[in-house]
């Protein structure tokens, strides 16, 4: 499976790309994780959207937000992989490409994420460190993590 990375601001997303993003986020965050939450939070319009695709299929997705949007620091959020892509390295590639994009777009800075705690070791393998206490968000345990780029 050949993977390509596409990064676009909100206003450059095609209708098909936006639909695929919403569909994947709903499939995982709402249905699979059984979590009712307000996904449309008015931050997508401020974000860069990082998409890992195979042909026209959205394999993995994240959004990069500038400092001052979710946290005082730049952040990467809504990190999600399609079930069929898990264990293929697509998620690691997604995060590495997102981190590289943050550095190229914002320069050397701190990235802060709100990570689901079951993925703590995954994020640590990329260079993130715990930066706070565990907390519940929409009924799922999270922890803030940071890294310097």
N, C-alpha and C. Protein backbone atom coordinates (compact mmCIF):
# COMPACT_ATOMS: atom_id res chain seq x y z
N UNK A 1 0.85 -1.18 0.00
CA UNK A 1 0.00 0.00 0.00
C UNK A 1 0.90 1.24 0.00
N UNK A 2 0.82 2.01 -1.08
CA UNK A 2 1.59 3.25 -1.16
C UNK A 2 0.83 4.35 -0.43
N UNK A 3 1.51 4.99 0.50
CA UNK A 3 0.89 6.06 1.28
C UNK A 3 1.44 7.41 0.86
N UNK A 4 0.57 8.39 0.79
CA UNK A 4 1.00 9.76 0.54
C UNK A 4 0.47 10.64 1.66
N UNK A 5 1.22 11.67 1.97
CA UNK A 5 0.81 12.65 2.98
C UNK A 5 0.34 13.91 2.28
N UNK A 6 -0.82 14.37 2.67
CA UNK A 6 -1.38 15.61 2.14
C UNK A 6 -1.69 16.50 3.33
N UNK A 7 -1.25 17.76 3.27
CA UNK A 7 -1.51 18.71 4.35
C UNK A 7 -2.14 19.95 3.73
N UNK A 8 -3.31 20.33 4.25
CA UNK A 8 -4.04 21.47 3.70
C UNK A 8 -4.69 22.28 4.81
N UNK A 9 -4.78 23.61 4.62
CA UNK A 9 -5.64 24.39 5.51
C UNK A 9 -7.10 24.09 5.18
N UNK A 10 -7.98 24.41 6.07
CA UNK A 10 -9.40 24.09 5.94
C UNK A 10 -9.99 24.54 4.60
N UNK A 11 -9.71 25.78 4.21
CA UNK A 11 -10.33 26.33 3.01
C UNK A 11 -9.87 25.66 1.72
N UNK A 12 -8.84 24.84 1.77
CA UNK A 12 -8.37 24.14 0.58
C UNK A 12 -8.82 22.68 0.53
N UNK A 13 -9.51 22.21 1.57
CA UNK A 13 -10.03 20.84 1.56
C UNK A 13 -11.14 20.72 0.52
N UNK A 14 -11.13 19.63 -0.22
CA UNK A 14 -12.24 19.37 -1.14
C UNK A 14 -13.43 18.87 -0.31
N UNK A 15 -14.59 18.89 -0.92
CA UNK A 15 -15.77 18.35 -0.24
C UNK A 15 -15.55 16.88 0.11
N UNK A 16 -14.95 16.12 -0.80
CA UNK A 16 -14.70 14.70 -0.56
C UNK A 16 -13.71 14.49 0.59
N UNK A 17 -12.68 15.32 0.65
CA UNK A 17 -11.70 15.20 1.75
C UNK A 17 -12.36 15.52 3.08
N UNK A 18 -13.13 16.59 3.13
CA UNK A 18 -13.81 16.97 4.38
C UNK A 18 -14.77 15.87 4.82
N UNK A 19 -15.52 15.30 3.88
CA UNK A 19 -16.44 14.22 4.21
C UNK A 19 -15.67 13.02 4.77
N UNK A 20 -14.56 12.64 4.13
CA UNK A 20 -13.76 11.50 4.60
C UNK A 20 -13.22 11.75 6.00
N UNK A 21 -12.80 12.98 6.29
CA UNK A 21 -12.30 13.34 7.62
C UNK A 21 -13.40 13.18 8.66
N UNK A 22 -14.55 13.77 8.38
CA UNK A 22 -15.67 13.70 9.33
C UNK A 22 -16.10 12.25 9.53
N UNK A 23 -16.18 11.49 8.44
CA UNK A 23 -16.58 10.09 8.52
C UNK A 23 -15.62 9.29 9.40
N UNK A 24 -14.30 9.43 9.17
CA UNK A 24 -13.32 8.68 9.95
C UNK A 24 -13.36 9.09 11.41
N UNK A 25 -13.43 10.37 11.70
CA UNK A 25 -13.49 10.82 13.09
C UNK A 25 -14.73 10.26 13.77
N UNK A 26 -15.88 10.26 13.09
CA UNK A 26 -17.11 9.72 13.67
C UNK A 26 -17.02 8.21 13.87
N UNK A 27 -16.48 7.49 12.88
CA UNK A 27 -16.36 6.04 12.99
C UNK A 27 -15.57 5.64 14.22
N UNK A 28 -14.48 6.35 14.49
CA UNK A 28 -13.60 5.97 15.60
C UNK A 28 -14.03 6.62 16.91
N UNK A 29 -14.13 7.94 16.93
CA UNK A 29 -14.37 8.62 18.20
C UNK A 29 -15.79 8.44 18.73
N UNK A 30 -16.78 8.42 17.86
CA UNK A 30 -18.17 8.33 18.31
C UNK A 30 -18.63 6.87 18.39
N UNK A 31 -18.46 6.12 17.30
CA UNK A 31 -18.99 4.76 17.25
C UNK A 31 -18.07 3.77 17.97
N UNK A 32 -16.82 3.64 17.51
CA UNK A 32 -15.91 2.65 18.09
C UNK A 32 -15.64 2.91 19.58
N UNK A 33 -15.37 4.17 19.93
CA UNK A 33 -15.06 4.49 21.32
C UNK A 33 -16.31 4.79 22.14
N UNK A 34 -17.47 4.68 21.52
CA UNK A 34 -18.75 4.88 22.18
C UNK A 34 -18.76 6.17 23.01
N UNK A 35 -18.43 7.26 22.33
CA UNK A 35 -18.28 8.54 23.01
C UNK A 35 -19.11 9.60 22.29
N UNK A 36 -20.13 10.07 22.97
CA UNK A 36 -20.93 11.15 22.40
C UNK A 36 -20.27 12.46 22.80
N UNK A 37 -19.79 13.21 21.79
CA UNK A 37 -19.15 14.49 22.08
C UNK A 37 -19.35 15.40 20.89
N UNK A 38 -19.11 16.68 21.09
CA UNK A 38 -19.27 17.68 20.03
C UNK A 38 -17.98 17.76 19.24
N UNK A 39 -17.90 17.02 18.13
CA UNK A 39 -16.70 17.01 17.30
C UNK A 39 -16.52 18.33 16.57
N UNK A 40 -17.60 18.93 16.10
CA UNK A 40 -17.53 20.21 15.40
C UNK A 40 -17.35 21.31 16.44
N UNK A 41 -16.09 21.70 16.66
CA UNK A 41 -15.75 22.61 17.76
C UNK A 41 -15.25 23.97 17.29
N UNK A 42 -15.45 24.30 16.02
CA UNK A 42 -15.02 25.57 15.43
C UNK A 42 -13.51 25.75 15.39
N UNK A 43 -12.75 24.67 15.55
CA UNK A 43 -11.29 24.74 15.44
C UNK A 43 -10.79 24.23 14.09
N UNK A 44 -11.59 23.43 13.41
CA UNK A 44 -11.16 22.90 12.12
C UNK A 44 -10.82 24.02 11.13
N UNK A 45 -11.56 25.12 11.19
CA UNK A 45 -11.34 26.22 10.27
C UNK A 45 -9.97 26.89 10.50
N UNK A 46 -9.40 26.71 11.69
CA UNK A 46 -8.10 27.31 12.04
C UNK A 46 -6.95 26.33 11.84
N UNK A 47 -7.27 25.10 11.52
CA UNK A 47 -6.29 24.01 11.51
C UNK A 47 -5.68 23.76 10.14
N UNK A 48 -4.54 23.10 10.18
CA UNK A 48 -3.99 22.43 9.02
C UNK A 48 -4.39 20.97 9.19
N UNK A 49 -4.84 20.35 8.12
CA UNK A 49 -5.36 18.99 8.16
C UNK A 49 -4.35 18.06 7.51
N UNK A 50 -3.83 17.12 8.31
CA UNK A 50 -2.81 16.19 7.86
C UNK A 50 -3.50 14.87 7.54
N UNK A 51 -3.40 14.47 6.28
CA UNK A 51 -4.09 13.26 5.82
C UNK A 51 -3.07 12.29 5.24
N UNK A 52 -3.14 11.05 5.69
CA UNK A 52 -2.36 9.98 5.08
C UNK A 52 -3.35 9.21 4.22
N UNK A 53 -3.06 9.15 2.93
CA UNK A 53 -3.98 8.54 1.98
C UNK A 53 -3.32 7.39 1.24
N UNK A 54 -4.13 6.45 0.83
CA UNK A 54 -3.75 5.40 -0.11
C UNK A 54 -4.78 5.51 -1.23
N UNK A 55 -4.32 5.96 -2.39
CA UNK A 55 -5.22 6.34 -3.48
C UNK A 55 -6.14 7.43 -2.92
N UNK A 56 -7.45 7.23 -2.99
CA UNK A 56 -8.37 8.24 -2.45
C UNK A 56 -8.89 7.85 -1.08
N UNK A 57 -8.35 6.78 -0.49
CA UNK A 57 -8.81 6.28 0.81
C UNK A 57 -8.05 6.98 1.94
N UNK A 58 -8.78 7.56 2.90
CA UNK A 58 -8.16 8.21 4.05
C UNK A 58 -7.77 7.16 5.07
N UNK A 59 -6.47 6.97 5.25
CA UNK A 59 -5.92 5.94 6.12
C UNK A 59 -5.78 6.45 7.54
N UNK A 60 -5.27 7.69 7.68
CA UNK A 60 -5.05 8.28 9.00
C UNK A 60 -5.16 9.80 8.87
N UNK A 61 -5.45 10.45 9.99
CA UNK A 61 -5.72 11.88 9.97
C UNK A 61 -5.34 12.51 11.31
N UNK A 62 -4.90 13.76 11.24
CA UNK A 62 -4.70 14.60 12.43
C UNK A 62 -4.89 16.06 12.03
N UNK A 63 -5.14 16.88 13.01
CA UNK A 63 -5.17 18.31 12.71
C UNK A 63 -4.12 19.02 13.56
N UNK A 64 -3.49 20.00 12.95
CA UNK A 64 -2.47 20.81 13.60
C UNK A 64 -3.08 22.18 13.86
N UNK A 65 -3.01 22.58 15.12
CA UNK A 65 -3.58 23.87 15.51
C UNK A 65 -2.48 24.82 15.99
N UNK A 66 -2.60 26.09 15.62
CA UNK A 66 -1.59 27.06 16.06
C UNK A 66 -1.67 27.31 17.57
N UNK A 67 -0.58 27.82 18.11
CA UNK A 67 -0.53 28.20 19.52
C UNK A 67 -1.69 29.14 19.81
N UNK A 68 -2.28 28.95 21.00
CA UNK A 68 -3.37 29.83 21.42
C UNK A 68 -4.75 29.36 21.00
N UNK A 69 -4.83 28.21 20.34
CA UNK A 69 -6.13 27.70 19.90
C UNK A 69 -6.70 26.74 20.94
N UNK A 70 -6.05 25.59 21.14
CA UNK A 70 -6.46 24.65 22.18
C UNK A 70 -5.60 24.85 23.43
N UNK A 71 -4.31 25.00 23.21
CA UNK A 71 -3.34 25.22 24.28
C UNK A 71 -2.55 26.48 23.97
N UNK A 72 -1.75 26.94 24.93
CA UNK A 72 -0.87 28.08 24.68
C UNK A 72 0.14 27.73 23.59
N UNK A 73 0.46 26.42 23.49
CA UNK A 73 1.43 25.95 22.51
C UNK A 73 0.71 25.44 21.25
N UNK A 74 1.47 25.24 20.19
CA UNK A 74 0.92 24.56 19.01
C UNK A 74 0.49 23.16 19.44
N UNK A 75 -0.47 22.58 18.74
CA UNK A 75 -0.94 21.26 19.14
C UNK A 75 -1.32 20.40 17.93
N UNK A 76 -1.33 19.11 18.19
CA UNK A 76 -1.78 18.12 17.22
C UNK A 76 -2.92 17.37 17.89
N UNK A 77 -4.04 17.28 17.20
CA UNK A 77 -5.19 16.64 17.80
C UNK A 77 -6.02 15.87 16.80
N UNK A 78 -7.10 15.27 17.31
CA UNK A 78 -8.01 14.45 16.50
C UNK A 78 -7.22 13.40 15.70
N UNK A 79 -6.21 12.85 16.35
CA UNK A 79 -5.35 11.83 15.72
C UNK A 79 -6.14 10.54 15.61
N UNK A 80 -6.25 10.02 14.39
CA UNK A 80 -7.11 8.86 14.18
C UNK A 80 -6.60 8.04 13.00
N UNK A 81 -6.72 6.72 13.14
CA UNK A 81 -6.37 5.80 12.05
C UNK A 81 -7.55 4.90 11.76
N UNK A 82 -7.76 4.61 10.50
CA UNK A 82 -8.79 3.66 10.12
C UNK A 82 -8.42 2.29 10.68
N UNK A 83 -9.43 1.51 11.08
CA UNK A 83 -9.18 0.18 11.67
C UNK A 83 -8.29 -0.67 10.78
N UNK A 84 -8.51 -0.62 9.47
CA UNK A 84 -7.74 -1.45 8.53
C UNK A 84 -6.28 -1.05 8.47
N UNK A 85 -5.94 0.15 8.93
CA UNK A 85 -4.57 0.65 8.83
C UNK A 85 -3.78 0.47 10.12
N UNK A 86 -4.43 0.06 11.18
CA UNK A 86 -3.74 -0.05 12.46
C UNK A 86 -2.70 -1.16 12.41
N UNK A 87 -1.54 -0.87 12.98
CA UNK A 87 -0.45 -1.84 12.98
C UNK A 87 0.39 -1.82 11.72
N UNK A 88 0.10 -0.89 10.81
CA UNK A 88 0.85 -0.81 9.55
C UNK A 88 1.94 0.25 9.58
N UNK A 89 1.98 1.06 10.64
CA UNK A 89 2.93 2.17 10.70
C UNK A 89 2.34 3.48 10.21
N UNK A 90 1.10 3.45 9.74
CA UNK A 90 0.47 4.67 9.23
C UNK A 90 0.32 5.73 10.32
N UNK A 91 -0.02 5.31 11.54
CA UNK A 91 -0.18 6.25 12.65
C UNK A 91 1.14 6.91 13.02
N UNK A 92 2.20 6.14 13.03
CA UNK A 92 3.53 6.70 13.34
C UNK A 92 3.94 7.68 12.25
N UNK A 93 3.69 7.32 11.00
CA UNK A 93 4.01 8.23 9.90
C UNK A 93 3.19 9.51 10.03
N UNK A 94 1.90 9.37 10.35
CA UNK A 94 1.03 10.53 10.53
C UNK A 94 1.61 11.49 11.56
N UNK A 95 2.01 10.94 12.70
CA UNK A 95 2.55 11.80 13.76
C UNK A 95 3.89 12.40 13.38
N UNK A 96 4.78 11.61 12.78
CA UNK A 96 6.08 12.15 12.36
C UNK A 96 5.90 13.28 11.35
N UNK A 97 4.99 13.08 10.39
CA UNK A 97 4.74 14.12 9.39
C UNK A 97 4.09 15.35 10.03
N UNK A 98 3.21 15.14 11.00
CA UNK A 98 2.57 16.26 11.70
C UNK A 98 3.59 17.06 12.51
N UNK A 99 4.48 16.35 13.20
CA UNK A 99 5.51 17.01 13.99
C UNK A 99 6.44 17.81 13.07
N UNK A 100 6.86 17.20 11.97
CA UNK A 100 7.73 17.90 11.01
C UNK A 100 7.03 19.14 10.45
N UNK A 101 5.73 19.02 10.20
CA UNK A 101 4.98 20.17 9.69
C UNK A 101 4.93 21.29 10.72
N UNK A 102 4.69 20.96 11.98
CA UNK A 102 4.67 21.98 13.04
C UNK A 102 5.99 22.74 13.04
N UNK A 103 7.09 22.00 12.98
CA UNK A 103 8.41 22.66 13.01
C UNK A 103 8.60 23.55 11.78
N UNK A 104 8.19 23.07 10.60
CA UNK A 104 8.38 23.87 9.39
C UNK A 104 7.45 25.09 9.36
N UNK A 105 6.25 24.95 9.90
CA UNK A 105 5.26 26.03 9.87
C UNK A 105 5.48 27.06 10.97
N UNK A 106 5.84 26.60 12.17
CA UNK A 106 5.93 27.48 13.33
C UNK A 106 7.34 27.66 13.88
N UNK A 107 8.32 26.95 13.33
CA UNK A 107 9.69 27.03 13.83
C UNK A 107 9.87 26.20 15.09
N UNK A 108 11.01 26.34 15.72
CA UNK A 108 11.28 25.61 16.96
C UNK A 108 10.27 26.06 18.01
N UNK A 109 9.58 25.10 18.59
CA UNK A 109 8.53 25.43 19.56
C UNK A 109 8.19 24.19 20.37
N UNK A 110 7.26 24.36 21.28
CA UNK A 110 6.71 23.25 22.05
C UNK A 110 5.40 22.82 21.41
N UNK A 111 5.21 21.50 21.31
CA UNK A 111 3.93 20.95 20.89
C UNK A 111 3.28 20.33 22.12
N UNK A 112 2.01 20.64 22.35
CA UNK A 112 1.26 20.05 23.47
C UNK A 112 0.08 19.27 22.89
N UNK A 113 -0.12 18.07 23.40
CA UNK A 113 -1.25 17.26 22.97
C UNK A 113 -2.03 16.80 24.20
N UNK A 114 -3.29 16.48 23.99
CA UNK A 114 -4.12 15.83 25.00
C UNK A 114 -4.30 14.39 24.54
N UNK A 115 -3.50 13.49 25.06
CA UNK A 115 -3.45 12.11 24.56
C UNK A 115 -4.33 11.18 25.38
N UNK A 116 -5.02 10.29 24.68
CA UNK A 116 -5.71 9.22 25.39
C UNK A 116 -4.64 8.36 26.04
N UNK A 117 -4.79 8.07 27.32
CA UNK A 117 -3.69 7.45 28.07
C UNK A 117 -3.30 6.07 27.57
N UNK A 118 -4.21 5.35 26.91
CA UNK A 118 -3.82 4.03 26.42
C UNK A 118 -2.79 4.14 25.29
N UNK A 119 -2.62 5.36 24.73
CA UNK A 119 -1.63 5.58 23.68
C UNK A 119 -0.37 6.27 24.21
N UNK A 120 -0.23 6.34 25.53
CA UNK A 120 0.88 7.04 26.15
C UNK A 120 2.25 6.55 25.64
N UNK A 121 2.45 5.25 25.59
CA UNK A 121 3.74 4.72 25.14
C UNK A 121 4.01 5.03 23.67
N UNK A 122 2.96 5.00 22.84
CA UNK A 122 3.10 5.37 21.43
C UNK A 122 3.63 6.79 21.31
N UNK A 123 3.02 7.72 22.04
CA UNK A 123 3.46 9.12 21.97
C UNK A 123 4.86 9.30 22.56
N UNK A 124 5.17 8.57 23.63
CA UNK A 124 6.52 8.64 24.20
C UNK A 124 7.56 8.16 23.19
N UNK A 125 7.21 7.16 22.38
CA UNK A 125 8.15 6.65 21.37
C UNK A 125 8.47 7.70 20.32
N UNK A 126 7.63 8.72 20.21
CA UNK A 126 7.85 9.81 19.25
C UNK A 126 8.57 10.99 19.88
N UNK A 127 8.77 10.95 21.20
CA UNK A 127 9.48 12.04 21.87
C UNK A 127 8.64 12.88 22.80
N UNK A 128 7.35 12.57 22.94
CA UNK A 128 6.51 13.32 23.87
C UNK A 128 6.76 12.83 25.29
N UNK A 129 6.55 13.75 26.25
CA UNK A 129 6.68 13.43 27.67
C UNK A 129 5.41 13.87 28.39
N UNK A 130 5.04 13.15 29.44
CA UNK A 130 3.88 13.54 30.24
C UNK A 130 4.09 14.95 30.78
N UNK A 131 3.02 15.74 30.75
CA UNK A 131 3.13 17.12 31.21
C UNK A 131 1.93 17.51 32.06
N UNK A 132 1.44 16.57 32.85
CA UNK A 132 0.30 16.88 33.70
C UNK A 132 -0.31 15.63 34.27
N UNK A 133 -1.35 15.85 35.03
CA UNK A 133 -2.09 14.75 35.65
C UNK A 133 -3.08 14.17 34.66
N UNK A 134 -3.46 12.94 34.89
CA UNK A 134 -4.48 12.31 34.07
C UNK A 134 -5.83 12.94 34.37
N UNK A 135 -6.66 13.03 33.33
CA UNK A 135 -7.97 13.65 33.49
C UNK A 135 -8.96 12.96 32.55
N UNK A 136 -10.23 13.08 32.87
CA UNK A 136 -11.28 12.53 32.01
C UNK A 136 -11.76 13.60 31.05
N UNK A 137 -11.84 13.23 29.77
CA UNK A 137 -12.43 14.09 28.76
C UNK A 137 -13.42 13.24 27.99
N UNK A 138 -14.67 13.62 28.04
CA UNK A 138 -15.74 12.86 27.39
C UNK A 138 -15.74 11.40 27.83
N UNK A 139 -15.42 11.17 29.11
CA UNK A 139 -15.45 9.82 29.68
C UNK A 139 -14.24 8.96 29.36
N UNK A 140 -13.22 9.52 28.70
CA UNK A 140 -12.01 8.78 28.34
C UNK A 140 -10.81 9.42 29.04
N UNK A 141 -9.98 8.58 29.66
CA UNK A 141 -8.81 9.10 30.39
C UNK A 141 -7.77 9.64 29.41
N UNK A 142 -7.29 10.85 29.69
CA UNK A 142 -6.29 11.55 28.88
C UNK A 142 -5.16 12.05 29.78
N UNK A 143 -4.07 12.43 29.14
CA UNK A 143 -2.99 13.13 29.81
C UNK A 143 -2.39 14.11 28.81
N UNK A 144 -2.04 15.31 29.28
CA UNK A 144 -1.34 16.25 28.41
C UNK A 144 0.11 15.80 28.30
N UNK A 145 0.65 15.95 27.09
CA UNK A 145 2.03 15.57 26.81
C UNK A 145 2.66 16.70 25.97
N UNK A 146 3.96 16.88 26.11
CA UNK A 146 4.65 17.91 25.33
C UNK A 146 5.93 17.37 24.72
N UNK A 147 6.39 18.07 23.69
CA UNK A 147 7.70 17.80 23.12
C UNK A 147 8.21 19.10 22.53
N UNK A 148 9.52 19.23 22.48
CA UNK A 148 10.17 20.38 21.87
C UNK A 148 10.60 19.99 20.46
N UNK A 149 10.34 20.88 19.50
CA UNK A 149 10.80 20.62 18.13
C UNK A 149 11.69 21.75 17.66
